[in-house]
Amino acid sequence: MPVQTSASPRTSQVEHRVHVHDRREYRLRVRATVFLWGSDGITQNLSFDKPLLLHIHNDLFGEQITIGTQLANGTRNTFGTLNAGQCLTIPIQDICAVFASCTLESMVSCTVR
């Protein structure tokens, strides 16, 4: 979404590009188990000089979700649950995926920084 400013359209576009490259936001419908980041098809654990941060927010009117990470060898580490409206930040380092599961259905917002 573009940043509204009183500056020229060119300045606004530059601010928008910086905003877009600064963080990635997306929403997912969680039913059963879905990957919030990564995939079970990744064959190596990923590492970064500076870990990425995945901010996870369960919808205010959502259902309880279970959050965890997965290694390339298939091993899963479950962190626990988020109830409606709750948030968690997970560092992405030496893993291949972050997953969420829900027995019913919930919308989850994610931001990668």
C-alpha atoms as a PDB file:
ATOM      1  CA  MET A   1       0.000   0.000   0.000  1.00  0.00           C
ATOM      2  CA  PRO A   2       1.545   3.355  -1.003  1.00  0.00           C
ATOM      3  CA  VAL A   3       2.574   5.820   1.658  1.00  0.00           C
ATOM      4  CA  GLN A   4       0.443   8.959   1.555  1.00  0.00           C
ATOM      5  CA  THR A   5       2.522  12.122   1.690  1.00  0.00           C
ATOM      6  CA  SER A   6       2.207  15.695   0.556  1.00  0.00           C
ATOM      7  CA  ALA A   7       5.418  15.281  -1.456  1.00  0.00           C
ATOM      8  CA  SER A   8       5.554  14.733  -5.205  1.00  0.00           C
ATOM      9  CA  PRO A   9       4.344  11.408  -6.648  1.00  0.00           C
ATOM     10  CA  ARG A  10       7.967  10.472  -7.372  1.00  0.00           C
ATOM     11  CA  THR A  11       8.899  10.798  -3.669  1.00  0.00           C
ATOM     12  CA  SER A  12       5.851   8.786  -2.664  1.00  0.00           C
ATOM     13  CA  GLN A  13       6.846   5.976  -5.042  1.00  0.00           C
ATOM     14  CA  VAL A  14      10.369   5.862  -3.590  1.00  0.00           C
ATOM     15  CA  GLU A  15       8.974   5.644  -0.054  1.00  0.00           C
ATOM     16  CA  HIS A  16       6.664   2.874  -1.200  1.00  0.00           C
ATOM     17  CA  ARG A  17       9.562   0.880  -2.661  1.00  0.00           C
ATOM     18  CA  VAL A  18      11.600   1.259   0.523  1.00  0.00           C
ATOM     19  CA  HIS A  19       8.570   0.167   2.547  1.00  0.00           C
ATOM     20  CA  VAL A  20       8.010  -2.888   0.356  1.00  0.00           C
ATOM     21  CA  HIS A  21      11.653  -3.992   0.512  1.00  0.00           C
ATOM     22  CA  ASP A  22      11.859  -3.343   4.254  1.00  0.00           C
ATOM     23  CA  ARG A  23       9.327  -6.051   5.129  1.00  0.00           C
ATOM     24  CA  ARG A  24       7.059  -8.657   3.591  1.00  0.00           C
ATOM     25  CA  GLU A  25       3.513  -9.055   4.845  1.00  0.00           C
ATOM     26  CA  TYR A  26       0.992 -11.738   3.955  1.00  0.00           C
ATOM     27  CA  ARG A  27      -2.073 -13.541   5.341  1.00  0.00           C
ATOM     28  CA  LEU A  28      -2.795 -17.249   5.248  1.00  0.00           C
ATOM     29  CA  ARG A  29      -5.830 -19.344   6.058  1.00  0.00           C
ATOM     30  CA  VAL A  30      -4.726 -22.082   8.459  1.00  0.00           C
ATOM     31  CA  ARG A  31      -6.678 -25.335   8.185  1.00  0.00           C
ATOM     32  CA  ALA A  32      -5.020 -28.566   9.312  1.00  0.00           C
ATOM     33  CA  THR A  33      -1.270 -27.837   8.893  1.00  0.00           C
ATOM     34  CA  VAL A  34       0.220 -25.183   6.571  1.00  0.00           C
ATOM     35  CA  PHE A  35       3.657 -23.666   6.208  1.00  0.00           C
ATOM     36  CA  LEU A  36       3.847 -20.005   7.186  1.00  0.00           C
ATOM     37  CA  TRP A  37       7.407 -19.839   5.836  1.00  0.00           C
ATOM     38  CA  GLY A  38       9.425 -22.402   3.900  1.00  0.00           C
ATOM     39  CA  SER A  39       8.376 -25.900   2.887  1.00  0.00           C
ATOM     40  CA  ASP A  40       8.854 -29.574   3.647  1.00  0.00           C
ATOM     41  CA  GLY A  41      10.386 -29.783   0.154  1.00  0.00           C
ATOM     42  CA  ILE A  42      13.482 -27.812   1.221  1.00  0.00           C
ATOM     43  CA  THR A  43      16.394 -30.254   1.604  1.00  0.00           C
ATOM     44  CA  GLN A  44      18.748 -28.069   3.655  1.00  0.00           C
ATOM     45  CA  ASN A  45      18.362 -25.987   6.784  1.00  0.00           C
ATOM     46  CA  LEU A  46      18.763 -22.327   5.878  1.00  0.00           C
ATOM     47  CA  SER A  47      20.981 -19.926   7.764  1.00  0.00           C
ATOM     48  CA  PHE A  48      21.580 -16.216   7.368  1.00  0.00           C
ATOM     49  CA  ASP A  49      24.303 -13.835   8.547  1.00  0.00           C
ATOM     50  CA  LYS A  50      21.563 -12.064  10.494  1.00  0.00           C
ATOM     51  CA  PRO A  51      18.483 -14.220  11.203  1.00  0.00           C
ATOM     52  CA  LEU A  52      15.243 -13.180   9.552  1.00  0.00           C
ATOM     53  CA  LEU A  53      12.390 -12.600  11.971  1.00  0.00           C
ATOM     54  CA  LEU A  54       8.939 -14.014  11.283  1.00  0.00           C
ATOM     55  CA  HIS A  55       6.234 -12.100  13.136  1.00  0.00           C
ATOM     56  CA  ILE A  56       3.069 -14.217  13.444  1.00  0.00           C
ATOM     57  CA  HIS A  57      -0.313 -12.778  14.457  1.00  0.00           C
ATOM     58  CA  ASN A  58      -3.384 -14.960  14.909  1.00  0.00           C
ATOM     59  CA  ASP A  59      -6.562 -13.138  13.864  1.00  0.00           C
ATOM     60  CA  LEU A  60      -8.519 -11.431  16.628  1.00  0.00           C
ATOM     61  CA  PHE A  61     -11.551 -13.594  15.788  1.00  0.00           C
ATOM     62  CA  GLY A  62      -9.513 -16.711  14.953  1.00  0.00           C
ATOM     63  CA  GLU A  63      -9.238 -20.131  16.527  1.00  0.00           C
ATOM     64  CA  GLN A  64      -6.295 -21.478  18.523  1.00  0.00           C
ATOM     65  CA  ILE A  65      -3.300 -22.438  16.359  1.00  0.00           C
ATOM     66  CA  THR A  66      -0.197 -24.490  17.103  1.00  0.00           C
ATOM     67  CA  ILE A  67       3.141 -23.056  15.934  1.00  0.00           C
ATOM     68  CA  GLY A  68       6.464 -24.783  15.297  1.00  0.00           C
ATOM     69  CA  THR A  69       9.540 -25.127  13.119  1.00  0.00           C
ATOM     70  CA  GLN A  70      10.754 -27.954  10.908  1.00  0.00           C
ATOM     71  CA  LEU A  71      14.262 -29.105  10.038  1.00  0.00           C
ATOM     72  CA  ALA A  72      15.262 -30.423   6.608  1.00  0.00           C
ATOM     73  CA  ASN A  73      15.397 -33.977   8.008  1.00  0.00           C
ATOM     74  CA  GLY A  74      11.674 -33.708   8.894  1.00  0.00           C
ATOM     75  CA  THR A  75      12.097 -33.192  12.644  1.00  0.00           C
ATOM     76  CA  ARG A  76       9.486 -30.790  14.021  1.00  0.00           C
ATOM     77  CA  ASN A  77       9.788 -28.618  17.103  1.00  0.00           C
ATOM     78  CA  THR A  78       6.417 -27.400  18.378  1.00  0.00           C
ATOM     79  CA  PHE A  79       6.585 -24.143  20.349  1.00  0.00           C
ATOM     80  CA  GLY A  80       3.027 -24.120  21.645  1.00  0.00           C
ATOM     81  CA  THR A  81      -0.235 -22.380  20.827  1.00  0.00           C
ATOM     82  CA  LEU A  82      -1.484 -18.905  19.970  1.00  0.00           C
ATOM     83  CA  ASN A  83      -5.039 -17.999  20.846  1.00  0.00           C
ATOM     84  CA  ALA A  84      -7.132 -15.426  19.000  1.00  0.00           C
ATOM     85  CA  GLY A  85      -5.348 -12.068  18.802  1.00  0.00           C
ATOM     86  CA  GLN A  86      -2.005 -13.357  20.104  1.00  0.00           C
ATOM     87  CA  CYS A  87       1.402 -12.831  18.462  1.00  0.00           C
ATOM     88  CA  LEU A  88       4.795 -14.525  18.369  1.00  0.00           C
ATOM     89  CA  THR A  89       8.118 -13.660  16.721  1.00  0.00           C
ATOM     90  CA  ILE A  90      10.333 -16.539  15.581  1.00  0.00           C
ATOM     91  CA  PRO A  91      13.927 -16.119  14.382  1.00  0.00           C
ATOM     92  CA  ILE A  92      14.450 -17.972  11.108  1.00  0.00           C
ATOM     93  CA  GLN A  93      17.848 -19.618  11.470  1.00  0.00           C
ATOM     94  CA  ASP A  94      18.996 -23.192  10.768  1.00  0.00           C
ATOM     95  CA  ILE A  95      15.497 -24.412   9.847  1.00  0.00           C
ATOM     96  CA  CYS A  96      13.680 -25.121   6.582  1.00  0.00           C
ATOM     97  CA  ALA A  97      10.130 -24.152   7.578  1.00  0.00           C
ATOM     98  CA  VAL A  98       7.741 -22.612  10.099  1.00  0.00           C
ATOM     99  CA  PHE A  99       4.351 -24.314  10.307  1.00  0.00           C
ATOM    100  CA  ALA A 100       0.972 -23.654  11.893  1.00  0.00           C
ATOM    101  CA  SER A 101      -1.901 -26.031  12.457  1.00  0.00           C
ATOM    102  CA  CYS A 102      -5.507 -25.505  13.479  1.00  0.00           C
ATOM    103  CA  THR A 103      -8.266 -28.024  14.139  1.00  0.00           C
ATOM    104  CA  LEU A 104     -10.868 -25.579  12.772  1.00  0.00           C
ATOM    105  CA  GLU A 105      -9.776 -22.537  10.742  1.00  0.00           C
ATOM    106  CA  SER A 106      -7.992 -19.279  11.484  1.00  0.00           C
ATOM    107  CA  MET A 107      -6.507 -16.406   9.475  1.00  0.00           C
ATOM    108  CA  VAL A 108      -2.873 -15.687  10.319  1.00  0.00           C
ATOM    109  CA  SER A 109      -0.895 -12.584   9.367  1.00  0.00           C
ATOM    110  CA  CYS A 110       2.868 -12.892   8.886  1.00  0.00           C
ATOM    111  CA  THR A 111       5.589 -10.305   8.452  1.00  0.00           C
ATOM    112  CA  VAL A 112       9.169 -11.210   7.538  1.00  0.00           C
ATOM    113  CA  ARG A 113      11.863  -8.758   8.582  1.00  0.00           C
END
